[in-house]
Amino acid sequence: MPKARTEAIYNQRRFACNGHALIRATGALPPGPLASTDHCGRPYTRCEPGLTKGVVAQICYANTARIGEHNGVLVRVDYDDDGAFDGWTMIDNLSRSFSTKPHYIKDQTARRSAVCP
């Protein structure tokens, strides 16, 4: 495996460090409706079962996403790593690099209200 390929893959990944990293349907500003939860890849899960009702299109805290283009506010994300972008999330919802994973927060309410440094 060429080193450059490994680095490119690594540099396209980020962690969700915001406990409420919603995935939007488009990159339009202001941010519009949530992405559909009818999903062909890895299904969306309830990140915080005791705090949410139903399934919401979001990247669960400390999970990864592949990033693509951005407009300065929103970035395109591939939530399930199937090669197809699933929607857009706020750039501030994700870590600045893949080098630092957010520390696990045991308390659901605290995890849900976490924000990226």
C-alpha atoms as a PDB file:
ATOM      1  CA  MET A   1       0.000   0.000   0.000  1.00  0.00           C
ATOM      2  CA  PRO A   2       1.593   3.315  -1.031  1.00  0.00           C
ATOM      3  CA  LYS A   3       2.194   5.736   1.847  1.00  0.00           C
ATOM      4  CA  ALA A   4       0.594   8.619  -0.098  1.00  0.00           C
ATOM      5  CA  ARG A   5      -2.670   6.657  -0.446  1.00  0.00           C
ATOM      6  CA  THR A   6      -2.763   5.872   3.278  1.00  0.00           C
ATOM      7  CA  GLU A   7      -2.140   9.536   4.120  1.00  0.00           C
ATOM      8  CA  ALA A   8      -4.869  10.697   1.714  1.00  0.00           C
ATOM      9  CA  ILE A   9      -7.404   8.355   3.314  1.00  0.00           C
ATOM     10  CA  TYR A  10      -6.316   9.447   6.806  1.00  0.00           C
ATOM     11  CA  ASN A  11      -6.592  13.147   5.913  1.00  0.00           C
ATOM     12  CA  GLN A  12     -10.180  12.701   4.690  1.00  0.00           C
ATOM     13  CA  ARG A  13     -11.423  11.416   8.049  1.00  0.00           C
ATOM     14  CA  ARG A  14     -12.684  13.369  11.062  1.00  0.00           C
ATOM     15  CA  PHE A  15     -14.287  12.566  14.410  1.00  0.00           C
ATOM     16  CA  ALA A  16     -17.613  14.015  15.507  1.00  0.00           C
ATOM     17  CA  CYS A  17     -16.702  15.995  18.618  1.00  0.00           C
ATOM     18  CA  ASN A  18     -20.031  17.795  18.870  1.00  0.00           C
ATOM     19  CA  GLY A  19     -22.684  15.735  20.623  1.00  0.00           C
ATOM     20  CA  HIS A  20     -25.330  16.935  18.195  1.00  0.00           C
ATOM     21  CA  ALA A  21     -23.627  16.625  14.775  1.00  0.00           C
ATOM     22  CA  LEU A  22     -26.688  16.703  12.534  1.00  0.00           C
ATOM     23  CA  ILE A  23     -26.443  15.773   8.846  1.00  0.00           C
ATOM     24  CA  ARG A  24     -28.210  18.187   6.502  1.00  0.00           C
ATOM     25  CA  ALA A  25     -29.660  17.307   3.103  1.00  0.00           C
ATOM     26  CA  THR A  26     -27.786  20.048   1.215  1.00  0.00           C
ATOM     27  CA  GLY A  27     -24.923  22.467   1.621  1.00  0.00           C
ATOM     28  CA  ALA A  28     -27.284  25.448   1.295  1.00  0.00           C
ATOM     29  CA  LEU A  29     -26.964  28.355   3.699  1.00  0.00           C
ATOM     30  CA  PRO A  30     -28.524  28.881   6.107  1.00  0.00           C
ATOM     31  CA  PRO A  31     -28.444  25.137   6.885  1.00  0.00           C
ATOM     32  CA  GLY A  32     -31.634  23.493   5.689  1.00  0.00           C
ATOM     33  CA  PRO A  33     -33.555  20.300   6.416  1.00  0.00           C
ATOM     34  CA  LEU A  34     -31.984  17.154   7.804  1.00  0.00           C
ATOM     35  CA  ALA A  35     -30.891  14.389   5.477  1.00  0.00           C
ATOM     36  CA  SER A  36     -33.283  11.506   4.996  1.00  0.00           C
ATOM     37  CA  THR A  37     -32.939   8.592   7.392  1.00  0.00           C
ATOM     38  CA  ASP A  38     -33.976   6.200   4.600  1.00  0.00           C
ATOM     39  CA  HIS A  39     -30.476   4.953   4.033  1.00  0.00           C
ATOM     40  CA  CYS A  40     -29.065   2.188   1.852  1.00  0.00           C
ATOM     41  CA  GLY A  41     -25.712   1.862   3.646  1.00  0.00           C
ATOM     42  CA  ARG A  42     -25.119   1.547   7.371  1.00  0.00           C
ATOM     43  CA  PRO A  43     -28.412   2.640   8.919  1.00  0.00           C
ATOM     44  CA  TYR A  44     -28.539   5.638  11.186  1.00  0.00           C
ATOM     45  CA  THR A  45     -28.805   4.723  14.839  1.00  0.00           C
ATOM     46  CA  ARG A  46     -30.150   6.591  17.823  1.00  0.00           C
ATOM     47  CA  CYS A  47     -26.981   8.117  19.262  1.00  0.00           C
ATOM     48  CA  GLU A  48     -28.544   8.890  22.616  1.00  0.00           C
ATOM     49  CA  PRO A  49     -31.569   6.578  22.973  1.00  0.00           C
ATOM     50  CA  GLY A  50     -32.760   8.108  26.240  1.00  0.00           C
ATOM     51  CA  LEU A  51     -32.610  11.656  24.902  1.00  0.00           C
ATOM     52  CA  THR A  52     -33.992  11.404  21.377  1.00  0.00           C
ATOM     53  CA  LYS A  53     -37.231  10.274  19.847  1.00  0.00           C
ATOM     54  CA  GLY A  54     -36.766   8.227  16.709  1.00  0.00           C
ATOM     55  CA  VAL A  55     -33.810   8.122  14.371  1.00  0.00           C
ATOM     56  CA  VAL A  56     -32.129  11.398  13.427  1.00  0.00           C
ATOM     57  CA  ALA A  57     -29.560  11.867  10.649  1.00  0.00           C
ATOM     58  CA  GLN A  58     -26.466  12.620  12.675  1.00  0.00           C
ATOM     59  CA  ILE A  59     -22.907  11.481  13.323  1.00  0.00           C
ATOM     60  CA  CYS A  60     -22.745  10.055  16.816  1.00  0.00           C
ATOM     61  CA  TYR A  61     -20.202  11.539  19.216  1.00  0.00           C
ATOM     62  CA  ALA A  62     -16.645  10.261  18.584  1.00  0.00           C
ATOM     63  CA  ASN A  63     -17.680   8.372  15.432  1.00  0.00           C
ATOM     64  CA  THR A  64     -15.876   9.023  12.189  1.00  0.00           C
ATOM     65  CA  ALA A  65     -16.914  10.467   8.856  1.00  0.00           C
ATOM     66  CA  ARG A  66     -15.136  10.992   5.553  1.00  0.00           C
ATOM     67  CA  ILE A  67     -15.141  14.633   4.510  1.00  0.00           C
ATOM     68  CA  GLY A  68     -15.368  16.209   1.086  1.00  0.00           C
ATOM     69  CA  GLU A  69     -15.961  19.686  -0.239  1.00  0.00           C
ATOM     70  CA  HIS A  70     -16.991  22.508   2.059  1.00  0.00           C
ATOM     71  CA  ASN A  71     -18.445  25.993   1.749  1.00  0.00           C
ATOM     72  CA  GLY A  72     -16.746  27.495   4.805  1.00  0.00           C
ATOM     73  CA  VAL A  73     -19.666  26.618   7.115  1.00  0.00           C
ATOM     74  CA  LEU A  74     -20.823  23.145   6.081  1.00  0.00           C
ATOM     75  CA  VAL A  75     -18.758  20.172   4.922  1.00  0.00           C
ATOM     76  CA  ARG A  76     -19.935  17.213   2.889  1.00  0.00           C
ATOM     77  CA  VAL A  77     -19.755  13.918   4.834  1.00  0.00           C
ATOM     78  CA  ASP A  78     -19.835  10.206   4.101  1.00  0.00           C
ATOM     79  CA  TYR A  79     -21.253   8.875   7.357  1.00  0.00           C
ATOM     80  CA  ASP A  80     -21.099   5.164   6.544  1.00  0.00           C
ATOM     81  CA  ASP A  81     -17.839   5.095   4.549  1.00  0.00           C
ATOM     82  CA  ASP A  82     -19.516   3.535   1.524  1.00  0.00           C
ATOM     83  CA  GLY A  83     -17.908   6.010  -0.900  1.00  0.00           C
ATOM     84  CA  ALA A  84     -21.059   8.106  -1.392  1.00  0.00           C
ATOM     85  CA  PHE A  85     -21.615  11.355   0.472  1.00  0.00           C
ATOM     86  CA  ASP A  86     -24.691  11.233   2.706  1.00  0.00           C
ATOM     87  CA  GLY A  87     -25.175  14.936   3.380  1.00  0.00           C
ATOM     88  CA  TRP A  88     -23.595  17.963   5.025  1.00  0.00           C
ATOM     89  CA  THR A  89     -22.711  18.877   8.593  1.00  0.00           C
ATOM     90  CA  MET A  90     -21.364  22.005  10.223  1.00  0.00           C
ATOM     91  CA  ILE A  91     -17.557  22.131  10.016  1.00  0.00           C
ATOM     92  CA  ASP A  92     -17.509  22.915  13.744  1.00  0.00           C
ATOM     93  CA  ASN A  93     -19.149  19.535  14.464  1.00  0.00           C
ATOM     94  CA  LEU A  94     -15.951  17.724  13.473  1.00  0.00           C
ATOM     95  CA  SER A  95     -12.420  17.511  14.801  1.00  0.00           C
ATOM     96  CA  ARG A  96      -9.826  19.634  13.015  1.00  0.00           C
ATOM     97  CA  SER A  97      -7.874  16.497  12.092  1.00  0.00           C
ATOM     98  CA  PHE A  98      -8.018  12.736  12.503  1.00  0.00           C
ATOM     99  CA  SER A  99      -5.068  12.913  14.911  1.00  0.00           C
ATOM    100  CA  THR A 100      -7.110  13.557  18.044  1.00  0.00           C
ATOM    101  CA  LYS A 101     -10.137  11.499  19.030  1.00  0.00           C
ATOM    102  CA  PRO A 102     -12.524  13.076  21.532  1.00  0.00           C
ATOM    103  CA  HIS A 103     -12.375  11.570  24.999  1.00  0.00           C
ATOM    104  CA  TYR A 104     -15.282   9.314  25.830  1.00  0.00           C
ATOM    105  CA  ILE A 105     -17.954  10.979  27.966  1.00  0.00           C
ATOM    106  CA  LYS A 106     -19.913   8.385  29.932  1.00  0.00           C
ATOM    107  CA  ASP A 107     -22.855  10.586  30.904  1.00  0.00           C
ATOM    108  CA  GLN A 108     -25.358  10.716  28.003  1.00  0.00           C
ATOM    109  CA  THR A 109     -26.570  14.236  28.711  1.00  0.00           C
ATOM    110  CA  ALA A 110     -23.011  15.583  28.945  1.00  0.00           C
ATOM    111  CA  ARG A 111     -22.005  13.719  25.782  1.00  0.00           C
ATOM    112  CA  ARG A 112     -25.003  15.100  23.921  1.00  0.00           C
ATOM    113  CA  SER A 113     -24.093  18.671  24.905  1.00  0.00           C
ATOM    114  CA  ALA A 114     -20.368  18.318  24.107  1.00  0.00           C
ATOM    115  CA  VAL A 115     -18.831  20.778  21.669  1.00  0.00           C
ATOM    116  CA  CYS A 116     -15.570  20.622  19.757  1.00  0.00           C
ATOM    117  CA  PRO A 117     -12.592  22.468  21.242  1.00  0.00           C
END
